[in-house]
Amino acid sequence: MEALYLLIPLSTLLVFVAIWVFFRASDGGQFDDLEGPAMRILHDDDTPAPQGRHDPS
């Protein structure tokens, strides 16, 4: 029973910290563009890299 006196305030503090972190990230623009990086990999340059000079010796 005495453990509840410690666990309940700690859990509510943890919830408020998690909410604060979420809103801080949201205000900082963390979730602005979720599709851009995923689509950028599909539009990369498909041309092959130039071949270097090979020495056949």
C-alpha atoms as a PDB file:
ATOM      1  CA  MET A   1       0.000   0.000   0.000  1.00  0.00           C
ATOM      2  CA  GLU A   2       2.835   2.370   0.785  1.00  0.00           C
ATOM      3  CA  ALA A   3       4.293   1.785  -2.660  1.00  0.00           C
ATOM      4  CA  LEU A   4       1.233   3.417  -4.208  1.00  0.00           C
ATOM      5  CA  TYR A   5       2.117   6.684  -2.462  1.00  0.00           C
ATOM      6  CA  LEU A   6       5.303   6.695  -4.517  1.00  0.00           C
ATOM      7  CA  LEU A   7       4.140   5.076  -7.761  1.00  0.00           C
ATOM      8  CA  ILE A   8       1.060   7.219  -8.433  1.00  0.00           C
ATOM      9  CA  PRO A   9       2.897  10.581  -8.309  1.00  0.00           C
ATOM     10  CA  LEU A  10       5.773   9.139 -10.342  1.00  0.00           C
ATOM     11  CA  SER A  11       3.433   7.804 -13.016  1.00  0.00           C
ATOM     12  CA  THR A  12       1.544  11.100 -13.303  1.00  0.00           C
ATOM     13  CA  LEU A  13       4.865  12.937 -13.522  1.00  0.00           C
ATOM     14  CA  LEU A  14       5.975  10.545 -16.261  1.00  0.00           C
ATOM     15  CA  VAL A  15       2.756  11.153 -18.210  1.00  0.00           C
ATOM     16  CA  PHE A  16       3.172  14.928 -17.978  1.00  0.00           C
ATOM     17  CA  VAL A  17       6.803  14.690 -19.094  1.00  0.00           C
ATOM     18  CA  ALA A  18       5.792  12.542 -22.080  1.00  0.00           C
ATOM     19  CA  ILE A  19       3.065  15.032 -23.048  1.00  0.00           C
ATOM     20  CA  TRP A  20       5.537  17.908 -22.682  1.00  0.00           C
ATOM     21  CA  VAL A  21       8.090  16.142 -24.899  1.00  0.00           C
ATOM     22  CA  PHE A  22       5.430  15.453 -27.531  1.00  0.00           C
ATOM     23  CA  PHE A  23       4.239  19.058 -27.648  1.00  0.00           C
ATOM     24  CA  ARG A  24       7.812  20.348 -27.655  1.00  0.00           C
ATOM     25  CA  ALA A  25       8.620  18.160 -30.657  1.00  0.00           C
ATOM     26  CA  SER A  26       5.400  19.165 -32.363  1.00  0.00           C
ATOM     27  CA  ASP A  27       6.106  22.871 -31.885  1.00  0.00           C
ATOM     28  CA  GLY A  28       9.659  22.371 -33.119  1.00  0.00           C
ATOM     29  CA  GLY A  29       8.447  21.034 -36.464  1.00  0.00           C
ATOM     30  CA  GLN A  30       9.394  17.413 -35.915  1.00  0.00           C
ATOM     31  CA  PHE A  31       6.171  16.133 -37.490  1.00  0.00           C
ATOM     32  CA  ASP A  32       5.784  18.679 -40.310  1.00  0.00           C
ATOM     33  CA  ASP A  33       6.852  16.554 -43.276  1.00  0.00           C
ATOM     34  CA  LEU A  34       6.372  12.837 -42.741  1.00  0.00           C
ATOM     35  CA  GLU A  35       6.164  11.839 -46.416  1.00  0.00           C
ATOM     36  CA  GLY A  36       9.040  13.867 -47.847  1.00  0.00           C
ATOM     37  CA  PRO A  37      11.978  11.705 -46.730  1.00  0.00           C
ATOM     38  CA  ALA A  38      10.127   8.529 -47.702  1.00  0.00           C
ATOM     39  CA  MET A  39       9.403   9.817 -51.206  1.00  0.00           C
ATOM     40  CA  ARG A  40      12.860  11.329 -51.701  1.00  0.00           C
ATOM     41  CA  ILE A  41      14.459   7.883 -51.921  1.00  0.00           C
ATOM     42  CA  LEU A  42      12.183   7.045 -54.860  1.00  0.00           C
ATOM     43  CA  HIS A  43      13.338  10.101 -56.839  1.00  0.00           C
ATOM     44  CA  ASP A  44      17.073   9.547 -56.610  1.00  0.00           C
ATOM     45  CA  ASP A  45      19.330   9.680 -59.640  1.00  0.00           C
ATOM     46  CA  ASP A  46      19.288   6.342 -61.456  1.00  0.00           C
ATOM     47  CA  THR A  47      22.226   7.065 -63.735  1.00  0.00           C
ATOM     48  CA  PRO A  48      25.242   4.857 -63.079  1.00  0.00           C
ATOM     49  CA  ALA A  49      28.348   6.342 -61.577  1.00  0.00           C
ATOM     50  CA  PRO A  50      31.188   7.008 -64.023  1.00  0.00           C
ATOM     51  CA  GLN A  51      33.577   4.103 -64.307  1.00  0.00           C
ATOM     52  CA  GLY A  52      37.084   4.678 -63.083  1.00  0.00           C
ATOM     53  CA  ARG A  53      40.107   3.811 -65.138  1.00  0.00           C
ATOM     54  CA  HIS A  54      41.084   0.200 -64.565  1.00  0.00           C
ATOM     55  CA  ASP A  55      44.682  -0.952 -64.914  1.00  0.00           C
ATOM     56  CA  PRO A  56      44.620  -4.503 -66.354  1.00  0.00           C
ATOM     57  CA  SER A  57      48.068  -5.444 -65.031  1.00  0.00           C
END
